[in-house]
Amino acid sequence: MDDTPSPSERYRQGLATRRSVLGEAHVDRALASETDFDRPFQSFITEGAWGTVWSGPGLSKRERSIVTIALLAGLGHHEEVAMHVRATARTGATKDDICEALMHVAVYAGVPAANHAFKIAKAVYAEMEAEREAGQETGGDQDEKRTA
């Protein structure tokens, strides 16, 4: 008999939201690399971050994307900045939106944090443009180091 509990509705909603923001391939890779060690963490972020926060009614995915990138940049979580900039292809946040968010980072979290985030965003947008020109899908389906 399998003692694994069935996924909660919040988990199912979180997984759907996570896929819509980060892309099927990214989420499939994260789930495929899941182990007994990090499975509780993956469930936690799927239910909490994606099933509660990202799935909530208060902000659009575009607005959540902008806020998330600003917070990640201000806190220096560079790999996550790259992943979420790539996800803007799915959330509707524009380059102008992200530029404005990073300007706020410069004022409220510091110029070095914003400077590094601008560098990351420019590189990600250049990769996405090259992928578009090559006819490849963009928006989170590239190999990412993080699995959030």
C-alpha atoms as a PDB file:
ATOM      1  CA  MET A   1       0.000   0.000   0.000  1.00  0.00           C
ATOM      2  CA  ASP A   2       1.291   3.465  -0.933  1.00  0.00           C
ATOM      3  CA  ASP A   3       1.390   5.854   2.054  1.00  0.00           C
ATOM      4  CA  THR A   4       2.057   8.891  -0.125  1.00  0.00           C
ATOM      5  CA  PRO A   5      -0.714  11.451   0.451  1.00  0.00           C
ATOM      6  CA  SER A   6      -2.598  12.614  -2.618  1.00  0.00           C
ATOM      7  CA  PRO A   7      -1.756  16.123  -3.792  1.00  0.00           C
ATOM      8  CA  SER A   8      -3.830  18.848  -2.237  1.00  0.00           C
ATOM      9  CA  GLU A   9      -5.929  21.200  -4.332  1.00  0.00           C
ATOM     10  CA  ARG A  10      -3.463  23.973  -3.420  1.00  0.00           C
ATOM     11  CA  TYR A  11      -0.599  21.802  -4.728  1.00  0.00           C
ATOM     12  CA  ARG A  12      -2.480  21.086  -7.980  1.00  0.00           C
ATOM     13  CA  GLN A  13      -3.249  24.795  -8.432  1.00  0.00           C
ATOM     14  CA  GLY A  14       0.360  25.662  -7.601  1.00  0.00           C
ATOM     15  CA  LEU A  15       1.697  23.188 -10.124  1.00  0.00           C
ATOM     16  CA  ALA A  16      -0.572  24.613 -12.820  1.00  0.00           C
ATOM     17  CA  THR A  17       0.473  28.178 -11.993  1.00  0.00           C
ATOM     18  CA  ARG A  18       4.141  27.214 -11.788  1.00  0.00           C
ATOM     19  CA  ARG A  19       3.893  25.613 -15.241  1.00  0.00           C
ATOM     20  CA  SER A  20       2.120  28.653 -16.691  1.00  0.00           C
ATOM     21  CA  VAL A  21       4.817  31.019 -15.406  1.00  0.00           C
ATOM     22  CA  LEU A  22       8.031  28.994 -15.714  1.00  0.00           C
ATOM     23  CA  GLY A  23       7.116  26.637 -18.546  1.00  0.00           C
ATOM     24  CA  GLU A  24       6.389  22.943 -18.838  1.00  0.00           C
ATOM     25  CA  ALA A  25       9.981  21.878 -19.509  1.00  0.00           C
ATOM     26  CA  HIS A  26      11.402  23.831 -16.566  1.00  0.00           C
ATOM     27  CA  VAL A  27       8.890  22.362 -14.114  1.00  0.00           C
ATOM     28  CA  ASP A  28       9.285  18.873 -15.582  1.00  0.00           C
ATOM     29  CA  ARG A  29      13.066  19.126 -15.019  1.00  0.00           C
ATOM     30  CA  ALA A  30      12.561  20.314 -11.439  1.00  0.00           C
ATOM     31  CA  LEU A  31      10.176  17.451 -10.675  1.00  0.00           C
ATOM     32  CA  ALA A  32      12.387  14.869 -12.399  1.00  0.00           C
ATOM     33  CA  SER A  33      15.366  15.904 -10.277  1.00  0.00           C
ATOM     34  CA  GLU A  34      13.357  15.798  -7.048  1.00  0.00           C
ATOM     35  CA  THR A  35      14.673  13.395  -4.396  1.00  0.00           C
ATOM     36  CA  ASP A  36      13.443  12.223  -1.020  1.00  0.00           C
ATOM     37  CA  PHE A  37      15.707  14.896   0.475  1.00  0.00           C
ATOM     38  CA  ASP A  38      14.197  17.920  -1.315  1.00  0.00           C
ATOM     39  CA  ARG A  39      10.669  16.608  -1.987  1.00  0.00           C
ATOM     40  CA  PRO A  40       9.268  18.369   1.109  1.00  0.00           C
ATOM     41  CA  PHE A  41      10.805  21.646  -0.084  1.00  0.00           C
ATOM     42  CA  GLN A  42       9.438  21.219  -3.615  1.00  0.00           C
ATOM     43  CA  SER A  43       5.971  20.537  -2.193  1.00  0.00           C
ATOM     44  CA  PHE A  44       6.273  23.549   0.093  1.00  0.00           C
ATOM     45  CA  ILE A  45       7.157  25.981  -2.706  1.00  0.00           C
ATOM     46  CA  THR A  46       4.575  24.483  -5.052  1.00  0.00           C
ATOM     47  CA  GLU A  47       1.808  24.884  -2.465  1.00  0.00           C
ATOM     48  CA  GLY A  48       2.992  28.062  -0.763  1.00  0.00           C
ATOM     49  CA  ALA A  49       4.686  30.193  -3.385  1.00  0.00           C
ATOM     50  CA  TRP A  50       2.791  28.961  -6.442  1.00  0.00           C
ATOM     51  CA  GLY A  51      -0.505  27.645  -5.012  1.00  0.00           C
ATOM     52  CA  THR A  52      -1.111  30.473  -2.556  1.00  0.00           C
ATOM     53  CA  VAL A  53       0.867  33.580  -3.485  1.00  0.00           C
ATOM     54  CA  TRP A  54       1.174  33.337  -7.283  1.00  0.00           C
ATOM     55  CA  SER A  55      -2.367  31.933  -7.585  1.00  0.00           C
ATOM     56  CA  GLY A  56      -3.972  34.594  -5.407  1.00  0.00           C
ATOM     57  CA  PRO A  57      -6.533  37.050  -6.763  1.00  0.00           C
ATOM     58  CA  GLY A  58      -4.873  40.292  -5.594  1.00  0.00           C
ATOM     59  CA  LEU A  59      -2.297  40.832  -8.350  1.00  0.00           C
ATOM     60  CA  SER A  60      -1.967  39.784 -11.976  1.00  0.00           C
ATOM     61  CA  LYS A  61       0.869  37.497 -13.058  1.00  0.00           C
ATOM     62  CA  ARG A  62       2.434  40.553 -14.711  1.00  0.00           C
ATOM     63  CA  GLU A  63       2.378  42.489 -11.440  1.00  0.00           C
ATOM     64  CA  ARG A  64       3.659  39.504  -9.450  1.00  0.00           C
ATOM     65  CA  SER A  65       6.470  39.097 -11.955  1.00  0.00           C
ATOM     66  CA  ILE A  66       7.542  42.732 -11.537  1.00  0.00           C
ATOM     67  CA  VAL A  67       7.431  42.547  -7.735  1.00  0.00           C
ATOM     68  CA  THR A  68       9.270  39.217  -7.686  1.00  0.00           C
ATOM     69  CA  ILE A  69      12.093  40.441  -9.901  1.00  0.00           C
ATOM     70  CA  ALA A  70      12.523  43.593  -7.812  1.00  0.00           C
ATOM     71  CA  LEU A  71      12.655  41.595  -4.581  1.00  0.00           C
ATOM     72  CA  LEU A  72      15.044  38.994  -5.954  1.00  0.00           C
ATOM     73  CA  ALA A  73      17.325  41.696  -7.366  1.00  0.00           C
ATOM     74  CA  GLY A  74      17.302  43.646  -4.114  1.00  0.00           C
ATOM     75  CA  LEU A  75      18.178  40.521  -2.160  1.00  0.00           C
ATOM     76  CA  GLY A  76      20.924  39.460  -4.595  1.00  0.00           C
ATOM     77  CA  HIS A  77      19.319  36.182  -5.702  1.00  0.00           C
ATOM     78  CA  HIS A  78      20.839  36.374  -9.160  1.00  0.00           C
ATOM     79  CA  GLU A  79      19.953  32.915 -10.507  1.00  0.00           C
ATOM     80  CA  GLU A  80      16.336  33.506  -9.543  1.00  0.00           C
ATOM     81  CA  VAL A  81      16.414  36.957 -11.220  1.00  0.00           C
ATOM     82  CA  ALA A  82      17.450  35.303 -14.477  1.00  0.00           C
ATOM     83  CA  MET A  83      14.745  32.641 -14.189  1.00  0.00           C
ATOM     84  CA  HIS A  84      12.020  35.210 -13.506  1.00  0.00           C
ATOM     85  CA  VAL A  85      13.188  37.599 -16.237  1.00  0.00           C
ATOM     86  CA  ARG A  86      12.908  34.656 -18.631  1.00  0.00           C
ATOM     87  CA  ALA A  87       9.401  33.994 -17.286  1.00  0.00           C
ATOM     88  CA  THR A  88       8.265  37.491 -18.335  1.00  0.00           C
ATOM     89  CA  ALA A  89       7.575  35.977 -21.761  1.00  0.00           C
ATOM     90  CA  ARG A  90       4.710  34.157 -20.028  1.00  0.00           C
ATOM     91  CA  THR A  91       3.608  36.732 -17.437  1.00  0.00           C
ATOM     92  CA  GLY A  92       3.263  39.741 -19.725  1.00  0.00           C
ATOM     93  CA  ALA A  93       5.765  41.917 -17.853  1.00  0.00           C
ATOM     94  CA  THR A  94       7.626  44.001 -20.430  1.00  0.00           C
ATOM     95  CA  LYS A  95      11.220  45.134 -20.624  1.00  0.00           C
ATOM     96  CA  ASP A  96       9.982  48.606 -19.657  1.00  0.00           C
ATOM     97  CA  ASP A  97       8.234  47.123 -16.601  1.00  0.00           C
ATOM     98  CA  ILE A  98      11.417  45.391 -15.508  1.00  0.00           C
ATOM     99  CA  CYS A  99      13.520  48.501 -16.139  1.00  0.00           C
ATOM    100  CA  GLU A 100      11.173  50.491 -13.880  1.00  0.00           C
ATOM    101  CA  ALA A 101      11.295  47.797 -11.205  1.00  0.00           C
ATOM    102  CA  LEU A 102      15.084  47.767 -11.279  1.00  0.00           C
ATOM    103  CA  MET A 103      15.170  51.554 -10.998  1.00  0.00           C
ATOM    104  CA  HIS A 104      13.236  51.125  -7.748  1.00  0.00           C
ATOM    105  CA  VAL A 105      15.774  48.528  -6.670  1.00  0.00           C
ATOM    106  CA  ALA A 106      18.529  51.091  -7.244  1.00  0.00           C
ATOM    107  CA  VAL A 107      16.813  53.621  -4.982  1.00  0.00           C
ATOM    108  CA  TYR A 108      15.580  51.302  -2.252  1.00  0.00           C
ATOM    109  CA  ALA A 109      18.079  48.425  -2.245  1.00  0.00           C
ATOM    110  CA  GLY A 110      21.174  50.016  -3.739  1.00  0.00           C
ATOM    111  CA  VAL A 111      22.818  50.793  -7.028  1.00  0.00           C
ATOM    112  CA  PRO A 112      25.109  47.717  -6.980  1.00  0.00           C
ATOM    113  CA  ALA A 113      22.109  45.377  -6.631  1.00  0.00           C
ATOM    114  CA  ALA A 114      20.293  47.091  -9.507  1.00  0.00           C
ATOM    115  CA  ASN A 115      23.446  47.250 -11.625  1.00  0.00           C
ATOM    116  CA  HIS A 116      23.956  43.506 -11.356  1.00  0.00           C
ATOM    117  CA  ALA A 117      20.278  42.797 -12.018  1.00  0.00           C
ATOM    118  CA  PHE A 118      20.330  45.015 -15.131  1.00  0.00           C
ATOM    119  CA  LYS A 119      23.344  43.031 -16.361  1.00  0.00           C
ATOM    120  CA  ILE A 120      21.474  39.754 -15.802  1.00  0.00           C
ATOM    121  CA  ALA A 121      18.269  41.010 -17.425  1.00  0.00           C
ATOM    122  CA  LYS A 122      20.128  42.308 -20.486  1.00  0.00           C
ATOM    123  CA  ALA A 123      21.826  38.938 -20.948  1.00  0.00           C
ATOM    124  CA  VAL A 124      18.564  37.004 -20.538  1.00  0.00           C
ATOM    125  CA  TYR A 125      16.674  39.274 -22.942  1.00  0.00           C
ATOM    126  CA  ALA A 126      19.511  38.886 -25.487  1.00  0.00           C
ATOM    127  CA  GLU A 127      19.280  35.083 -25.155  1.00  0.00           C
ATOM    128  CA  MET A 128      15.509  35.202 -25.544  1.00  0.00           C
ATOM    129  CA  GLU A 129      15.805  37.390 -28.659  1.00  0.00           C
ATOM    130  CA  ALA A 130      18.371  35.011 -30.164  1.00  0.00           C
ATOM    131  CA  GLU A 131      16.049  32.078 -29.426  1.00  0.00           C
ATOM    132  CA  ARG A 132      13.120  33.905 -31.049  1.00  0.00           C
ATOM    133  CA  GLU A 133      15.232  34.604 -34.130  1.00  0.00           C
ATOM    134  CA  ALA A 134      16.223  30.940 -34.244  1.00  0.00           C
ATOM    135  CA  GLY A 135      12.575  29.928 -33.902  1.00  0.00           C
ATOM    136  CA  GLN A 136      12.983  28.381 -30.459  1.00  0.00           C
ATOM    137  CA  GLU A 137      10.485  28.690 -27.609  1.00  0.00           C
ATOM    138  CA  THR A 138      11.393  31.140 -24.849  1.00  0.00           C
ATOM    139  CA  GLY A 139      10.032  31.949 -21.438  1.00  0.00           C
ATOM    140  CA  GLY A 140      11.457  29.513 -18.943  1.00  0.00           C
ATOM    141  CA  ASP A 141      12.162  26.358 -20.901  1.00  0.00           C
ATOM    142  CA  GLN A 142      15.925  26.815 -20.963  1.00  0.00           C
ATOM    143  CA  ASP A 143      18.121  24.981 -18.480  1.00  0.00           C
ATOM    144  CA  GLU A 144      18.017  26.867 -15.213  1.00  0.00           C
ATOM    145  CA  LYS A 145      20.180  26.223 -12.192  1.00  0.00           C
ATOM    146  CA  ARG A 146      17.302  26.792  -9.767  1.00  0.00           C
ATOM    147  CA  THR A 147      14.235  24.635  -9.480  1.00  0.00           C
ATOM    148  CA  ALA A 148      11.737  27.000  -7.892  1.00  0.00           C
END
